Structures are given as C-alpha cells and as structure tokens.
PDB file of N, CA and C in Angstrom:
ATOM      1  N   MET A   1      25.689 102.809  97.755  1.00  0.00           N
ATOM      2  CA  MET A   1      26.352 101.550  97.503  1.00  0.00           C
ATOM      3  C   MET A   1      26.024 101.085  96.086  1.00  0.00           C
ATOM      4  N   SER A   2      27.049 100.696  95.379  1.00  0.00           N
ATOM      5  CA  SER A   2      26.875 100.226  94.013  1.00  0.00           C
ATOM      6  C   SER A   2      26.277  98.820  94.000  1.00  0.00           C
ATOM      7  N   ASP A   3      25.635  98.475  92.909  1.00  0.00           N
ATOM      8  CA  ASP A   3      25.081  97.131  92.774  1.00  0.00           C
ATOM      9  C   ASP A   3      26.187  96.082  92.729  1.00  0.00           C
ATOM     10  N   LEU A   4      27.377  96.469  92.260  1.00  0.00           N
ATOM     11  CA  LEU A   4      28.483  95.516  92.189  1.00  0.00           C
ATOM     12  C   LEU A   4      29.098  95.251  93.556  1.00  0.00           C
ATOM     13  N   ASN A   5      28.740  96.031  94.544  1.00  0.00           N
ATOM     14  CA  ASN A   5      29.310  95.880  95.880  1.00  0.00           C
ATOM     15  C   ASN A   5      28.399  95.036  96.771  1.00  0.00           C
ATOM     16  N   ARG A   6      27.497  94.273  96.176  1.00  0.00           N
ATOM     17  CA  ARG A   6      26.576  93.417  96.912  1.00  0.00           C
ATOM     18  C   ARG A   6      26.759  91.969  96.489  1.00  0.00           C
ATOM     19  N   GLY A   7      26.075  91.077  97.144  1.00  0.00           N
ATOM     20  CA  GLY A   7      26.144  89.668  96.776  1.00  0.00           C
ATOM     21  C   GLY A   7      27.488  89.072  97.133  1.00  0.00           C
ATOM     22  N   ILE A   8      28.113  88.362  96.175  1.00  0.00           N
ATOM     23  CA  ILE A   8      29.391  87.726  96.458  1.00  0.00           C
ATOM     24  C   ILE A   8      30.542  88.722  96.403  1.00  0.00           C
ATOM     25  N   MET A   9      30.308  89.903  95.846  1.00  0.00           N
ATOM     26  CA  MET A   9      31.358  90.923  95.742  1.00  0.00           C
ATOM     27  C   MET A   9      31.306  91.839  96.965  1.00  0.00           C
ATOM     28  N   LYS A  10      31.483  91.273  98.143  1.00  0.00           N
ATOM     29  CA  LYS A  10      31.340  92.040  99.388  1.00  0.00           C
ATOM     30  C   LYS A  10      32.694  92.541  99.892  1.00  0.00           C
ATOM     31  N   PHE A  11      33.415  93.250  99.065  1.00  0.00           N
ATOM     32  CA  PHE A  11      34.656  93.856  99.534  1.00  0.00           C
ATOM     33  C   PHE A  11      34.740  95.270  98.983  1.00  0.00           C
ATOM     34  N   ASP A  12      35.484  96.093  99.685  1.00  0.00           N
ATOM     35  CA  ASP A  12      35.635  97.479  99.257  1.00  0.00           C
ATOM     36  C   ASP A  12      36.366  97.529  97.920  1.00  0.00           C
ATOM     37  N   GLY A  13      35.862  98.320  97.016  1.00  0.00           N
ATOM     38  CA  GLY A  13      36.478  98.454  95.708  1.00  0.00           C
ATOM     39  C   GLY A  13      35.998  97.423  94.709  1.00  0.00           C
ATOM     40  N   ALA A  14      34.922  96.722  95.009  1.00  0.00           N
ATOM     41  CA  ALA A  14      34.405  95.718  94.073  1.00  0.00           C
ATOM     42  C   ALA A  14      33.885  96.379  92.805  1.00  0.00           C
ATOM     43  N   ASP A  15      33.480  97.642  92.922  1.00  0.00           N
ATOM     44  CA  ASP A  15      32.989  98.353  91.746  1.00  0.00           C
ATOM     45  C   ASP A  15      34.081  99.192  91.085  1.00  0.00           C
ATOM     46  N   ASN A  16      35.323  98.973  91.490  1.00  0.00           N
ATOM     47  CA  ASN A  16      36.456  99.659  90.906  1.00  0.00           C
ATOM     48  C   ASN A  16      36.668  99.148  89.471  1.00  0.00           C
ATOM     49  N   PRO A  17      36.792 100.024  88.487  1.00  0.00           N
ATOM     50  CA  PRO A  17      36.979  99.569  87.100  1.00  0.00           C
ATOM     51  C   PRO A  17      38.203  98.672  86.917  1.00  0.00           C
ATOM     52  N   LYS A  18      39.240  98.894  87.712  1.00  0.00           N
ATOM     53  CA  LYS A  18      40.448  98.071  87.599  1.00  0.00           C
ATOM     54  C   LYS A  18      40.167  96.631  88.027  1.00  0.00           C
ATOM     55  N   SER A  19      39.432  96.442  89.123  1.00  0.00           N
ATOM     56  CA  SER A  19      39.127  95.088  89.575  1.00  0.00           C
ATOM     57  C   SER A  19      38.136  94.404  88.636  1.00  0.00           C
ATOM     58  N   ILE A  20      37.231  95.175  88.046  1.00  0.00           N
ATOM     59  CA  ILE A  20      36.299  94.605  87.066  1.00  0.00           C
ATOM     60  C   ILE A  20      37.070  94.151  85.829  1.00  0.00           C
ATOM     61  N   ALA A  21      38.030  94.942  85.378  1.00  0.00           N
ATOM     62  CA  ALA A  21      38.821  94.576  84.208  1.00  0.00           C
ATOM     63  C   ALA A  21      39.663  93.332  84.475  1.00  0.00           C
ATOM     64  N   VAL A  22      40.258  93.248  85.657  1.00  0.00           N
ATOM     65  CA  VAL A  22      41.079  92.077  85.989  1.00  0.00           C
ATOM     66  C   VAL A  22      40.227  90.819  86.026  1.00  0.00           C
ATOM     67  N   SER A  23      39.067  90.894  86.658  1.00  0.00           N
ATOM     68  CA  SER A  23      38.215  89.710  86.727  1.00  0.00           C
ATOM     69  C   SER A  23      37.675  89.339  85.345  1.00  0.00           C
ATOM     70  N   ALA A  24      37.389  90.323  84.493  1.00  0.00           N
ATOM     71  CA  ALA A  24      36.926  90.029  83.146  1.00  0.00           C
ATOM     72  C   ALA A  24      38.010  89.337  82.331  1.00  0.00           C
ATOM     73  N   VAL A  25      39.248  89.783  82.477  1.00  0.00           N
ATOM     74  CA  VAL A  25      40.356  89.155  81.757  1.00  0.00           C
ATOM     75  C   VAL A  25      40.547  87.716  82.237  1.00  0.00           C
ATOM     76  N   ILE A  26      40.430  87.492  83.531  1.00  0.00           N
ATOM     77  CA  ILE A  26      40.587  86.138  84.062  1.00  0.00           C
ATOM     78  C   ILE A  26      39.483  85.223  83.548  1.00  0.00           C
ATOM     79  N   VAL A  27      38.242  85.693  83.595  1.00  0.00           N
ATOM     80  CA  VAL A  27      37.113  84.865  83.143  1.00  0.00           C
ATOM     81  C   VAL A  27      37.199  84.594  81.646  1.00  0.00           C
ATOM     82  N   LEU A  28      37.418  85.627  80.849  1.00  0.00           N
ATOM     83  CA  LEU A  28      37.477  85.443  79.396  1.00  0.00           C
ATOM     84  C   LEU A  28      38.698  84.620  78.978  1.00  0.00           C
ATOM     85  N   GLY A  29      39.807  84.797  79.673  1.00  0.00           N
ATOM     86  CA  GLY A  29      40.993  83.996  79.384  1.00  0.00           C
ATOM     87  C   GLY A  29      40.780  82.532  79.706  1.00  0.00           C
ATOM     88  N   SER A  30      40.083  82.256  80.801  1.00  0.00           N
ATOM     89  CA  SER A  30      39.781  80.872  81.152  1.00  0.00           C
ATOM     90  C   SER A  30      38.858  80.231  80.126  1.00  0.00           C
ATOM     91  N   ILE A  31      37.863  80.974  79.684  1.00  0.00           N
ATOM     92  CA  ILE A  31      36.953  80.447  78.668  1.00  0.00           C
ATOM     93  C   ILE A  31      37.706  80.178  77.370  1.00  0.00           C
ATOM     94  N   ALA A  32      38.563  81.095  76.971  1.00  0.00           N
ATOM     95  CA  ALA A  32      39.341  80.913  75.745  1.00  0.00           C
ATOM     96  C   ALA A  32      40.262  79.700  75.866  1.00  0.00           C
ATOM     97  N   ALA A  33      40.895  79.527  77.022  1.00  0.00           N
ATOM     98  CA  ALA A  33      41.775  78.371  77.225  1.00  0.00           C
ATOM     99  C   ALA A  33      40.989  77.070  77.150  1.00  0.00           C
ATOM    100  N   LEU A  34      39.798  77.040  77.712  1.00  0.00           N
ATOM    101  CA  LEU A  34      38.975  75.830  77.645  1.00  0.00           C
ATOM    102  C   LEU A  34      38.533  75.528  76.225  1.00  0.00           C
ATOM    103  N   VAL A  35      38.175  76.553  75.460  1.00  0.00           N
ATOM    104  CA  VAL A  35      37.767  76.345  74.072  1.00  0.00           C
ATOM    105  C   VAL A  35      38.941  75.814  73.253  1.00  0.00           C
ATOM    106  N   ILE A  36      40.106  76.401  73.429  1.00  0.00           N
ATOM    107  CA  ILE A  36      41.293  75.940  72.695  1.00  0.00           C
ATOM    108  C   ILE A  36      41.640  74.507  73.080  1.00  0.00           C
ATOM    109  N   TRP A  37      41.592  74.209  74.372  1.00  0.00           N
ATOM    110  CA  TRP A  37      41.875  72.839  74.825  1.00  0.00           C
ATOM    111  C   TRP A  37      40.858  71.853  74.258  1.00  0.00           C
ATOM    112  N   ALA A  38      39.583  72.249  74.235  1.00  0.00           N
ATOM    113  CA  ALA A  38      38.543  71.364  73.711  1.00  0.00           C
ATOM    114  C   ALA A  38      38.743  71.109  72.214  1.00  0.00           C
ATOM    115  N   LEU A  39      39.082  72.148  71.466  1.00  0.00           N
ATOM    116  CA  LEU A  39      39.317  71.972  70.034  1.00  0.00           C
ATOM    117  C   LEU A  39      40.527  71.090  69.784  1.00  0.00           C
ATOM    118  N   GLN A  40      41.571  71.250  70.558  1.00  0.00           N
ATOM    119  CA  GLN A  40      42.761  70.422  70.385  1.00  0.00           C
ATOM    120  C   GLN A  40      42.491  68.976  70.792  1.00  0.00           C
ATOM    121  N   SER A  41      41.625  68.773  71.770  1.00  0.00           N
ATOM    122  CA  SER A  41      41.301  67.410  72.192  1.00  0.00           C
ATOM    123  C   SER A  41      40.363  66.729  71.189  1.00  0.00           C
ATOM    124  N   ALA A  42      39.438  67.477  70.635  1.00  0.00           N
ATOM    125  CA  ALA A  42      38.453  66.896  69.737  1.00  0.00           C
ATOM    126  C   ALA A  42      39.018  66.673  68.334  1.00  0.00           C
ATOM    127  N   TYR A  43      39.869  67.554  67.891  1.00  0.00           N
ATOM    128  CA  TYR A  43      40.415  67.471  66.545  1.00  0.00           C
ATOM    129  C   TYR A  43      41.922  67.443  66.609  1.00  0.00           C
ATOM    130  N   ALA A  44      42.537  66.871  65.613  1.00  0.00           N
ATOM    131  CA  ALA A  44      43.994  66.793  65.577  1.00  0.00           C
ATOM    132  C   ALA A  44      44.548  68.102  65.021  1.00  0.00           C
ATOM    133  N   LEU A  45      44.521  69.138  65.845  1.00  0.00           N
ATOM    134  CA  LEU A  45      45.065  70.435  65.440  1.00  0.00           C
ATOM    135  C   LEU A  45      46.473  70.571  65.985  1.00  0.00           C
ATOM    136  N   GLY A  46      47.399  70.924  65.148  1.00  0.00           N
ATOM    137  CA  GLY A  46      48.766  71.151  65.583  1.00  0.00           C
ATOM    138  C   GLY A  46      49.429  69.903  66.064  1.00  0.00           C
TER     139      GLY A  46
END
C-alpha cells in the first residue's frame, strides 16, 4: 500500500499520477485565484 493511499486519501487509485495531477492543478489554481483576487482587492489593478 502506498503512503498516498492512507489518511484522507482512502480510495482506490489515490496514488494514481493522474489523480495527483488533477488535485495539484485544483489546489494551485485555487491559490492563484485567491492571490489574484487579493491583489485586485488591495490595489486598483485593471
């Protein structure tokens, strides 16, 4: 059993590179959206 298949990732295929890539894109995209929103709220950009 992989280390990625434990804890909150308790489903088959949690250590699949495709699911890791999808979750990484979602997390990084959310962080980028929050940073952009924060910059637009704090400063008069655009």
